[in-house]
Amino acid sequence: MLESVKHIFLVLSGKGGVGKSTVSTQLALALKEAGFKVGILDVDLCGPSVPFLLNLEGKDVHQSSEGWVPVYTDTEQKLAVMSIGFLLKSRNDGVIWRGPKKTSMIKQFLTDVVWQDIDYLIIDTPPGTSDEHITVMENLRTVKCDGAIIVTTPQAVAVDDVLREVTFCRKTGIPIIGIVENMSGFVCPTCAECTNIFSSGGGRSLSEMVKVPFLAKIPIDPALGKLGEKGQSIMSSLPDSQVALVYRKLVEELTKSKEA
């Protein structure tokens, strides 16, 4: 029931492997630590990684008289999660479905989950511009969607794929909040110096090209992978790290003009 959700962010990318789910989960944890009630809806049916990244594998979802009850990460119920990963027996089970069955499941997730008056819902989508994206867009037309956060990495091939995602958003009427450049340099765990192991500036140049805001430049930090496997926020575990500072600024940017 999206009517009880105050703000909705779509996390999109035209390319797989850019860290879209990591950005989604760490952003959700950062919003939660900022005092908001948050939900994550994982509609990447063929690669649902959100339960793993939040250390929720093996949890079950249940149906109530009102609809699906999401899985909560905490006793205060400040972070709610829904993913097809909760409906699979193990992480290795594949979802081998044709398009109509996928779109039917996404419609259920968008209409039948009991979110209970959350402030921010983050929808983690699969890569590309497929049937799943069109289904999400069609079901969001009746509710207020703040728009899309588009994730890229600095390399030219990733930027080219993300450019197609920008075109998709504009053709389907999805507002673009801005672009996040992930894996932008490597933070040395010893000296904390950031080195550009890939090319740099791809996300910023793309934002200038398509005239949308450049939201954040998130470096690679080995600590983030370890925290992600435990479902921990880098903002609380390593509050002074470069990545934590970036997420803090990103939350401020996303919430500064919104009363949640």
Protein backbone atom coordinates (compact mmCIF):
# COMPACT_ATOMS: atom_id res chain seq x y z
CA MET A 1 0.00 0.00 0.00
CA LEU A 2 1.98 2.92 -1.32
CA GLU A 3 -0.61 5.46 -0.19
CA SER A 4 0.95 5.36 3.29
CA VAL A 5 4.44 6.14 1.94
CA LYS A 6 5.45 9.80 2.04
CA HIS A 7 8.40 9.72 -0.39
CA ILE A 8 9.52 7.18 -3.00
CA PHE A 9 12.99 6.95 -4.55
CA LEU A 10 13.76 4.64 -7.47
CA VAL A 11 17.38 3.45 -7.69
CA LEU A 12 18.19 2.73 -11.33
CA SER A 13 21.16 1.85 -13.51
CA GLY A 14 21.49 0.85 -17.12
CA LYS A 15 24.30 -1.57 -16.22
CA GLY A 16 24.68 -4.41 -13.72
CA GLY A 17 27.54 -4.57 -11.24
CA VAL A 18 27.69 -0.85 -10.47
CA GLY A 19 26.76 -1.34 -6.80
CA LYS A 20 23.15 -0.28 -7.09
CA SER A 21 21.93 -2.58 -4.30
CA THR A 22 24.77 -1.49 -2.02
CA VAL A 23 23.86 2.14 -2.61
CA SER A 24 20.19 1.33 -1.93
CA THR A 25 20.85 -0.48 1.35
CA GLN A 26 23.42 1.98 2.70
CA LEU A 27 21.17 4.89 1.78
CA ALA A 28 18.26 3.22 3.59
CA LEU A 29 20.41 2.63 6.68
CA ALA A 30 21.62 6.25 6.55
CA LEU A 31 18.04 7.55 6.33
CA LYS A 32 17.07 5.34 9.26
CA GLU A 33 19.94 6.72 11.35
CA ALA A 34 18.80 10.22 10.45
CA GLY A 35 15.56 9.41 12.30
CA PHE A 36 13.24 8.39 9.47
CA LYS A 37 11.10 5.29 9.02
CA VAL A 38 12.36 3.61 5.87
CA GLY A 39 11.42 0.76 3.54
CA ILE A 40 13.34 -1.07 0.81
CA LEU A 41 11.52 -2.84 -1.98
CA ASP A 42 13.84 -5.15 -3.93
CA VAL A 43 12.30 -5.80 -7.35
CA ASP A 44 15.45 -7.25 -8.92
CA LEU A 45 13.76 -10.64 -9.25
CA CYS A 46 16.68 -12.45 -10.90
CA GLY A 47 19.36 -11.06 -8.58
CA PRO A 48 17.79 -10.18 -5.20
CA SER A 49 20.80 -9.20 -3.08
CA VAL A 50 19.14 -6.90 -0.54
CA PRO A 51 18.43 -9.70 2.02
CA PHE A 52 22.12 -10.67 1.90
CA LEU A 53 23.32 -7.07 2.19
CA LEU A 54 21.10 -6.49 5.24
CA ASN A 55 21.93 -9.86 6.86
CA LEU A 56 18.31 -11.00 6.58
CA GLU A 57 18.72 -14.23 4.64
CA GLY A 58 16.47 -17.00 5.93
CA LYS A 59 13.79 -14.62 7.17
CA ASP A 60 10.18 -15.23 6.17
CA VAL A 61 7.48 -12.86 5.01
CA HIS A 62 3.86 -13.46 5.99
CA GLN A 63 0.49 -12.45 4.66
CA SER A 64 -2.01 -10.68 6.90
CA SER A 65 -5.58 -9.67 6.17
CA GLU A 66 -4.19 -6.37 4.82
CA GLY A 67 -1.42 -7.84 2.64
CA TRP A 68 2.25 -8.84 2.75
CA VAL A 69 4.03 -7.99 6.02
CA PRO A 70 7.64 -6.96 5.31
CA VAL A 71 10.69 -8.15 7.23
CA TYR A 72 12.06 -5.64 9.76
CA THR A 73 15.75 -5.21 10.51
CA ASP A 74 15.16 -3.87 14.02
CA THR A 75 12.77 -4.23 16.94
CA GLU A 76 11.69 -0.58 16.58
CA GLN A 77 10.51 -1.38 13.02
CA LYS A 78 12.33 1.61 11.54
CA LEU A 79 13.56 -0.31 8.46
CA ALA A 80 11.19 -2.59 6.56
CA VAL A 81 12.33 -4.84 3.70
CA MET A 82 10.49 -6.76 0.98
CA SER A 83 12.29 -8.95 -1.56
CA ILE A 84 11.61 -12.08 -3.57
CA GLY A 85 14.73 -13.39 -1.85
CA PHE A 86 12.53 -14.08 1.20
CA LEU A 87 10.35 -16.37 -0.91
CA LEU A 88 13.24 -18.53 -2.19
CA LYS A 89 14.53 -21.56 -0.31
CA SER A 90 18.18 -20.52 -0.71
CA ARG A 91 20.34 -17.81 -2.26
CA ASN A 92 21.28 -20.22 -5.06
CA ASP A 93 17.70 -20.70 -6.25
CA GLY A 94 17.11 -19.04 -9.61
CA VAL A 95 13.96 -17.19 -10.66
CA ILE A 96 13.37 -18.62 -14.13
CA TRP A 97 10.16 -16.88 -15.10
CA ARG A 98 8.76 -15.38 -18.27
CA GLY A 99 7.93 -11.68 -18.39
CA PRO A 100 4.21 -11.87 -17.43
CA LYS A 101 4.96 -13.76 -14.21
CA LYS A 102 7.69 -11.27 -13.29
CA THR A 103 5.44 -8.28 -13.86
CA SER A 104 2.64 -9.93 -11.86
CA MET A 105 4.97 -10.41 -8.88
CA ILE A 106 6.20 -6.81 -9.08
CA LYS A 107 2.60 -5.56 -9.15
CA GLN A 108 1.93 -7.55 -5.97
CA PHE A 109 4.98 -6.06 -4.28
CA LEU A 110 3.91 -2.54 -5.28
CA THR A 111 0.27 -2.89 -4.22
CA ASP A 112 0.04 -5.54 -1.50
CA VAL A 113 2.84 -4.75 0.99
CA VAL A 114 1.78 -3.19 4.30
CA TRP A 115 4.40 -0.43 4.80
CA GLN A 116 2.73 1.25 7.83
CA ASP A 117 3.32 4.98 7.30
CA ILE A 118 6.98 5.05 6.34
CA ASP A 119 8.79 8.25 5.42
CA TYR A 120 10.98 6.97 2.58
CA LEU A 121 10.63 3.93 0.34
CA ILE A 122 13.64 2.97 -1.77
CA ILE A 123 12.87 0.72 -4.74
CA ASP A 124 15.94 -1.22 -5.88
CA THR A 125 15.38 -2.14 -9.54
CA PRO A 126 17.13 -4.57 -11.91
CA PRO A 127 19.65 -3.20 -14.43
CA GLY A 128 18.48 -2.09 -17.84
CA THR A 129 15.16 -0.83 -19.18
CA SER A 130 13.06 -3.98 -19.20
CA ASP A 131 9.45 -5.03 -18.56
CA GLU A 132 10.11 -4.78 -14.81
CA HIS A 133 10.89 -1.06 -15.08
CA ILE A 134 7.79 -0.38 -17.15
CA THR A 135 5.66 -2.24 -14.58
CA VAL A 136 7.13 -0.18 -11.74
CA MET A 137 6.53 3.05 -13.64
CA GLU A 138 2.93 2.18 -14.51
CA ASN A 139 2.09 1.30 -10.89
CA LEU A 140 3.65 4.51 -9.55
CA ARG A 141 1.49 6.79 -11.69
CA THR A 142 -1.26 6.89 -9.06
CA VAL A 143 1.08 7.77 -6.16
CA LYS A 144 3.68 10.45 -5.53
CA CYS A 145 7.12 9.32 -6.70
CA ASP A 146 9.94 11.76 -5.96
CA GLY A 147 12.00 10.32 -8.81
CA ALA A 148 15.02 8.26 -9.78
CA ILE A 149 18.53 8.14 -8.38
CA ILE A 150 20.70 6.85 -11.22
CA VAL A 151 23.88 4.95 -10.28
CA THR A 152 26.92 4.69 -12.53
CA THR A 153 30.63 3.93 -12.24
CA PRO A 154 33.34 6.13 -13.79
CA GLN A 155 34.12 3.93 -16.82
CA ALA A 156 32.89 5.06 -20.24
CA VAL A 157 31.03 1.80 -20.94
CA ALA A 158 28.98 2.20 -17.74
CA VAL A 159 28.26 5.86 -18.48
CA ASP A 160 27.00 4.94 -21.97
CA ASP A 161 24.57 2.39 -20.49
CA VAL A 162 23.37 4.87 -17.89
CA LEU A 163 22.73 7.44 -20.61
CA ARG A 164 20.11 5.00 -21.98
CA GLU A 165 18.54 4.91 -18.51
CA VAL A 166 18.24 8.70 -18.53
CA THR A 167 16.49 8.48 -21.90
CA PHE A 168 14.12 5.81 -20.51
CA CYS A 169 13.20 7.99 -17.54
CA ARG A 170 12.43 10.96 -19.75
CA LYS A 171 10.33 8.94 -22.18
CA THR A 172 8.30 7.34 -19.38
CA GLY A 173 7.88 10.50 -17.30
CA ILE A 174 10.02 9.50 -14.29
CA PRO A 175 11.64 12.58 -12.68
CA ILE A 176 15.42 12.26 -12.29
CA ILE A 177 16.66 13.36 -8.87
CA GLY A 178 20.29 13.04 -9.86
CA ILE A 179 23.30 10.84 -10.60
CA VAL A 180 25.54 8.99 -8.15
CA GLU A 181 29.01 7.90 -9.27
CA ASN A 182 29.87 4.73 -7.33
CA MET A 183 33.29 3.03 -7.08
CA SER A 184 34.89 6.40 -7.72
CA GLY A 185 38.45 5.74 -6.61
CA PHE A 186 39.86 3.37 -3.98
CA VAL A 187 40.33 4.39 -0.36
CA CYS A 188 43.56 2.90 1.05
CA PRO A 189 42.74 1.19 4.39
CA THR A 190 46.15 2.21 5.76
CA CYS A 191 46.60 5.85 4.78
CA ALA A 192 43.02 6.71 3.70
CA GLU A 193 44.30 8.18 0.42
CA CYS A 194 41.85 7.84 -2.49
CA THR A 195 43.32 6.60 -5.80
CA ASN A 196 41.44 6.60 -9.10
CA ILE A 197 41.88 2.98 -10.22
CA PHE A 198 39.26 3.47 -12.93
CA SER A 199 38.81 6.59 -15.03
CA SER A 200 37.27 9.46 -13.10
CA GLY A 201 34.59 12.06 -13.61
CA GLY A 202 32.24 9.99 -15.78
CA GLY A 203 29.22 10.59 -13.57
CA ARG A 204 29.78 14.32 -13.32
CA SER A 205 30.32 14.72 -17.06
CA LEU A 206 27.14 12.72 -17.71
CA SER A 207 25.16 14.93 -15.33
CA GLU A 208 26.40 18.02 -17.18
CA MET A 209 25.59 16.43 -20.54
CA VAL A 210 21.98 15.53 -19.64
CA LYS A 211 21.50 18.52 -17.32
CA VAL A 212 20.57 16.70 -14.12
CA PRO A 213 22.14 17.17 -10.66
CA PHE A 214 25.30 15.30 -9.67
CA LEU A 215 24.49 13.97 -6.20
CA ALA A 216 27.52 12.10 -4.91
CA LYS A 217 30.87 10.53 -5.68
CA ILE A 218 31.27 7.36 -3.59
CA PRO A 219 34.75 5.78 -3.39
CA ILE A 220 35.51 2.08 -2.95
CA ASP A 221 36.19 1.24 0.69
CA PRO A 222 37.01 -2.41 1.59
CA ALA A 223 35.31 -1.90 4.96
CA LEU A 224 31.97 -1.29 3.22
CA GLY A 225 31.85 -4.83 1.82
CA LYS A 226 32.45 -6.35 5.24
CA LEU A 227 29.82 -4.15 6.86
CA GLY A 228 27.33 -4.92 4.11
CA GLU A 229 27.53 -8.65 4.79
CA LYS A 230 26.55 -7.92 8.41
CA GLY A 231 23.77 -5.48 7.53
CA GLN A 232 25.60 -2.62 9.24
CA SER A 233 25.66 1.03 8.24
CA ILE A 234 29.00 2.61 7.45
CA MET A 235 27.69 5.85 8.98
CA SER A 236 27.41 4.28 12.42
CA SER A 237 30.33 1.83 12.19
CA LEU A 238 32.88 4.18 10.57
CA PRO A 239 31.36 7.66 10.97
CA ASP A 240 34.56 9.52 10.04
CA SER A 241 35.32 7.56 6.86
CA GLN A 242 35.12 9.22 3.44
CA VAL A 243 32.21 6.98 2.40
CA ALA A 244 30.24 7.80 5.57
CA LEU A 245 30.71 11.52 4.93
CA VAL A 246 29.42 11.09 1.37
CA TYR A 247 26.29 9.26 2.52
CA ARG A 248 25.66 11.88 5.21
CA LYS A 249 25.75 14.63 2.59
CA LEU A 250 23.60 12.55 0.24
CA VAL A 251 20.90 12.14 2.89
CA GLU A 252 21.00 15.88 3.59
CA GLU A 253 20.61 16.60 -0.12
CA LEU A 254 17.71 14.18 -0.58
CA THR A 255 15.79 15.32 2.49
CA LYS A 256 16.56 19.04 2.70
CA SER A 257 13.48 20.16 0.78
CA LYS A 258 11.14 17.44 2.03
CA GLU A 259 9.14 17.28 5.19
CA ALA A 260 8.88 13.57 5.98
